[in-house]
Amino acid sequence: MFIFKPQLSSILSYLGVNISILGIYFALSERFEFSLICLIAATVCDLFDGKLARMFERSKNEKKFGIELDSLADTINFMALPTVIMLQLFNSPLTVLVMAIYVACGITRLGVFNVMADEDKPQPHFRGVPTPTVALLLPILFLVRPIIPTDLYQTISLSAVVLLAFLFVVNIKIRKPTGRALEVILLLATMLCGGLIYASL
């Protein structure tokens, strides 16, 4: 009946995308704290979607589908949502240029990831900085916003995004977070969400 067979193993990928769509809605409504919380929540889904998928028995085609779906979800979560947030925060031609560079580097990195991905043996390292890093960068930048002059804040934010875009495609190895590192990331994500909720009051 459908062109695909629904897979419970991919539920976190779909959940993350739906959270990001909600985040886009919040960004368009200029409720940036909630939009950034959605960005963090989508990142948590991305952290665990592969682990969940590997708990299921899957065919080779289902594994390939999962890899493609993960990158397509990342395009929404970590390309589209941050772009809408930045364009709403800084409505200028320079922001459009910066986000065009950011998205070009981001989708290039995701394309390389798909080419290098092994559905049977996940790689222990990232090549280049992973795209979910934006879910740490943007909330931190937003939370320091009140203590930085407006013009300087825009310069710092756009420069940081350009730097991150470059790091997406630079040829460096970064070990994938496991164990204690994963716990630290989750703790930081929780603290950022708490800060954003406090900022929204």
Protein backbone atom coordinates (compact mmCIF):
# COMPACT_ATOMS: atom_id res chain seq x y z
CA MET A 1 0.00 0.00 0.00
CA PHE A 2 2.88 2.37 0.76
CA ILE A 3 6.31 2.76 -0.83
CA PHE A 4 7.95 1.98 2.52
CA LYS A 5 7.55 -0.37 5.42
CA PRO A 6 7.11 1.53 8.72
CA GLN A 7 10.07 0.86 11.00
CA LEU A 8 9.88 1.26 14.75
CA SER A 9 13.68 1.49 14.69
CA SER A 10 13.40 4.92 12.99
CA ILE A 11 10.88 6.41 15.43
CA LEU A 12 13.41 8.79 17.02
CA SER A 13 14.37 10.21 13.62
CA TYR A 14 10.73 11.03 12.88
CA LEU A 15 10.22 12.40 16.39
CA GLY A 16 13.23 14.68 16.05
CA VAL A 17 11.95 16.09 12.76
CA ASN A 18 8.53 16.80 14.24
CA ILE A 19 10.14 18.54 17.21
CA SER A 20 12.14 20.67 14.77
CA ILE A 21 9.00 21.63 12.87
CA LEU A 22 7.57 22.81 16.18
CA GLY A 23 10.84 24.69 16.72
CA ILE A 24 10.43 26.44 13.36
CA TYR A 25 6.94 27.48 14.40
CA PHE A 26 8.30 28.96 17.64
CA ALA A 27 11.09 30.75 15.75
CA LEU A 28 8.62 32.30 13.30
CA SER A 29 6.62 33.43 16.34
CA GLU A 30 9.87 34.89 17.81
CA ARG A 31 9.63 32.63 20.84
CA PHE A 32 13.29 31.85 20.56
CA GLU A 33 13.73 30.18 23.94
CA PHE A 34 11.24 27.45 23.04
CA SER A 35 12.64 27.15 19.52
CA LEU A 36 16.11 26.52 20.95
CA ILE A 37 14.73 23.99 23.42
CA CYS A 38 13.26 22.15 20.42
CA LEU A 39 16.68 22.24 18.76
CA ILE A 40 18.24 20.65 21.85
CA ALA A 41 15.46 18.03 22.06
CA ALA A 42 15.97 17.11 18.40
CA THR A 43 19.66 16.65 19.17
CA VAL A 44 18.87 14.24 21.99
CA CYS A 45 16.75 12.23 19.53
CA ASP A 46 19.68 12.22 17.11
CA LEU A 47 22.08 11.03 19.81
CA PHE A 48 20.05 7.91 20.44
CA ASP A 49 18.37 7.10 17.12
CA GLY A 50 21.26 4.94 15.93
CA LYS A 51 21.48 3.11 19.24
CA LEU A 52 17.75 2.40 19.13
CA ALA A 53 17.90 1.25 15.50
CA ARG A 54 20.65 -1.26 16.26
CA MET A 55 18.42 -2.90 18.87
CA PHE A 56 16.17 -4.17 16.05
CA GLU A 57 16.78 -6.89 13.53
CA ARG A 58 16.92 -5.13 10.16
CA SER A 59 17.56 -6.13 6.58
CA LYS A 60 20.43 -4.57 4.58
CA ASN A 61 17.98 -2.28 2.77
CA GLU A 62 16.39 -1.22 6.06
CA LYS A 63 19.84 -0.33 7.40
CA LYS A 64 20.58 1.73 4.28
CA PHE A 65 17.20 3.43 4.59
CA GLY A 66 18.00 4.28 8.23
CA ILE A 67 21.28 5.94 7.24
CA GLU A 68 19.58 8.04 4.55
CA LEU A 69 16.68 8.93 6.83
CA ASP A 70 19.08 10.03 9.57
CA SER A 71 20.83 12.50 7.27
CA LEU A 72 17.56 13.81 5.85
CA ALA A 73 16.32 14.35 9.40
CA ASP A 74 19.58 16.13 10.24
CA THR A 75 18.96 18.50 7.32
CA ILE A 76 15.72 19.61 8.95
CA ASN A 77 17.00 19.53 12.54
CA PHE A 78 20.40 21.14 12.14
CA MET A 79 20.17 23.05 8.86
CA ALA A 80 16.59 24.31 8.42
CA LEU A 81 15.73 25.04 12.07
CA PRO A 82 18.97 26.97 12.86
CA THR A 83 18.59 28.90 9.60
CA VAL A 84 15.08 30.05 10.50
CA ILE A 85 16.23 30.98 14.02
CA MET A 86 19.15 33.06 12.74
CA LEU A 87 17.11 34.79 10.03
CA GLN A 88 14.48 35.72 12.60
CA LEU A 89 17.11 36.98 15.04
CA PHE A 90 19.12 38.93 12.45
CA ASN A 91 17.03 39.94 9.46
CA SER A 92 19.76 41.12 7.09
CA PRO A 93 21.38 40.22 3.74
CA LEU A 94 24.57 39.31 5.63
CA THR A 95 22.64 36.73 7.66
CA VAL A 96 21.27 35.24 4.44
CA LEU A 97 24.83 34.90 3.10
CA VAL A 98 26.14 33.40 6.34
CA MET A 99 23.33 30.85 6.54
CA ALA A 100 23.79 29.96 2.85
CA ILE A 101 27.43 29.13 3.63
CA TYR A 102 26.38 27.27 6.77
CA VAL A 103 23.82 25.11 4.95
CA ALA A 104 26.18 24.40 2.02
CA CYS A 105 28.87 23.15 4.41
CA GLY A 106 26.32 21.25 6.49
CA ILE A 107 24.75 19.30 3.64
CA THR A 108 28.22 18.61 2.23
CA ARG A 109 29.22 17.06 5.54
CA LEU A 110 26.02 14.99 5.66
CA GLY A 111 26.62 13.81 2.10
CA VAL A 112 30.16 12.70 2.96
CA PHE A 113 28.81 10.93 6.05
CA ASN A 114 26.37 8.95 3.88
CA VAL A 115 29.13 7.92 1.48
CA MET A 116 31.41 6.77 4.31
CA ALA A 117 28.71 5.19 6.49
CA ASP A 118 28.84 1.45 7.09
CA GLU A 119 25.43 0.05 7.99
CA ASP A 120 27.00 -2.99 9.64
CA LYS A 121 29.84 -1.35 11.57
CA PRO A 122 29.35 2.23 12.84
CA GLN A 123 32.50 4.34 12.71
CA PRO A 124 33.99 5.28 16.11
CA HIS A 125 34.94 8.76 14.90
CA PHE A 126 33.29 11.72 13.18
CA ARG A 127 35.03 13.30 10.20
CA GLY A 128 34.66 17.00 10.86
CA VAL A 129 32.57 18.53 13.61
CA PRO A 130 29.10 16.88 13.72
CA THR A 131 26.14 19.05 12.72
CA PRO A 132 24.31 18.67 16.09
CA THR A 133 27.04 20.91 17.58
CA VAL A 134 24.85 23.83 16.53
CA ALA A 135 22.43 22.79 19.30
CA LEU A 136 25.09 23.77 21.83
CA LEU A 137 26.33 26.88 20.04
CA LEU A 138 23.05 28.72 19.42
CA PRO A 139 21.57 28.31 22.93
CA ILE A 140 24.83 29.47 24.53
CA LEU A 141 24.96 32.49 22.23
CA PHE A 142 21.33 33.29 22.99
CA LEU A 143 21.79 33.06 26.75
CA VAL A 144 24.69 35.57 26.74
CA ARG A 145 22.70 37.94 24.54
CA PRO A 146 21.59 40.31 27.37
CA ILE A 147 25.18 41.12 28.38
CA ILE A 148 26.53 41.91 24.89
CA PRO A 149 25.80 45.12 22.90
CA THR A 150 23.41 44.44 20.01
CA ASP A 151 25.78 45.21 17.12
CA LEU A 152 28.61 43.23 18.68
CA TYR A 153 26.27 40.34 19.45
CA GLN A 154 25.27 40.03 15.80
CA THR A 155 28.91 40.07 14.71
CA ILE A 156 29.89 37.43 17.26
CA SER A 157 26.93 35.19 16.42
CA LEU A 158 27.39 35.29 12.65
CA SER A 159 31.16 34.79 12.99
CA ALA A 160 30.58 31.78 15.24
CA VAL A 161 28.19 30.23 12.71
CA VAL A 162 30.70 30.72 9.87
CA LEU A 163 33.40 29.10 12.01
CA LEU A 164 31.13 26.16 12.77
CA ALA A 165 30.33 25.78 9.07
CA PHE A 166 34.07 25.56 8.34
CA LEU A 167 34.51 22.97 11.09
CA PHE A 168 31.77 20.83 9.51
CA VAL A 169 34.01 20.18 6.51
CA VAL A 170 37.54 20.36 7.93
CA ASN A 171 39.28 16.97 7.86
CA ILE A 172 39.67 16.24 11.57
CA LYS A 173 38.73 13.17 13.58
CA ILE A 174 36.43 13.56 16.59
CA ARG A 175 35.61 10.55 18.70
CA LYS A 176 31.89 9.83 18.99
CA PRO A 177 30.58 10.46 22.53
CA THR A 178 30.00 7.40 24.66
CA GLY A 179 29.82 6.69 28.37
CA ARG A 180 30.92 9.67 30.48
CA ALA A 181 31.18 12.01 27.48
CA LEU A 182 27.56 11.27 26.58
CA GLU A 183 26.51 11.92 30.18
CA VAL A 184 28.29 15.30 30.11
CA ILE A 185 26.52 16.25 26.87
CA LEU A 186 23.12 15.31 28.33
CA LEU A 187 23.90 17.30 31.49
CA LEU A 188 24.89 20.33 29.43
CA ALA A 189 21.73 19.97 27.33
CA THR A 190 19.63 19.87 30.51
CA MET A 191 21.37 22.95 31.91
CA LEU A 192 20.86 24.86 28.67
CA CYS A 193 17.17 23.94 28.60
CA GLY A 194 16.87 25.13 32.20
CA GLY A 195 18.56 28.42 31.31
CA LEU A 196 16.28 28.93 28.32
CA ILE A 197 13.17 28.22 30.37
CA TYR A 198 14.36 30.74 32.98
CA ALA A 199 15.05 33.30 30.24
CA SER A 200 11.50 32.88 28.93
CA LEU A 201 9.91 33.82 32.27
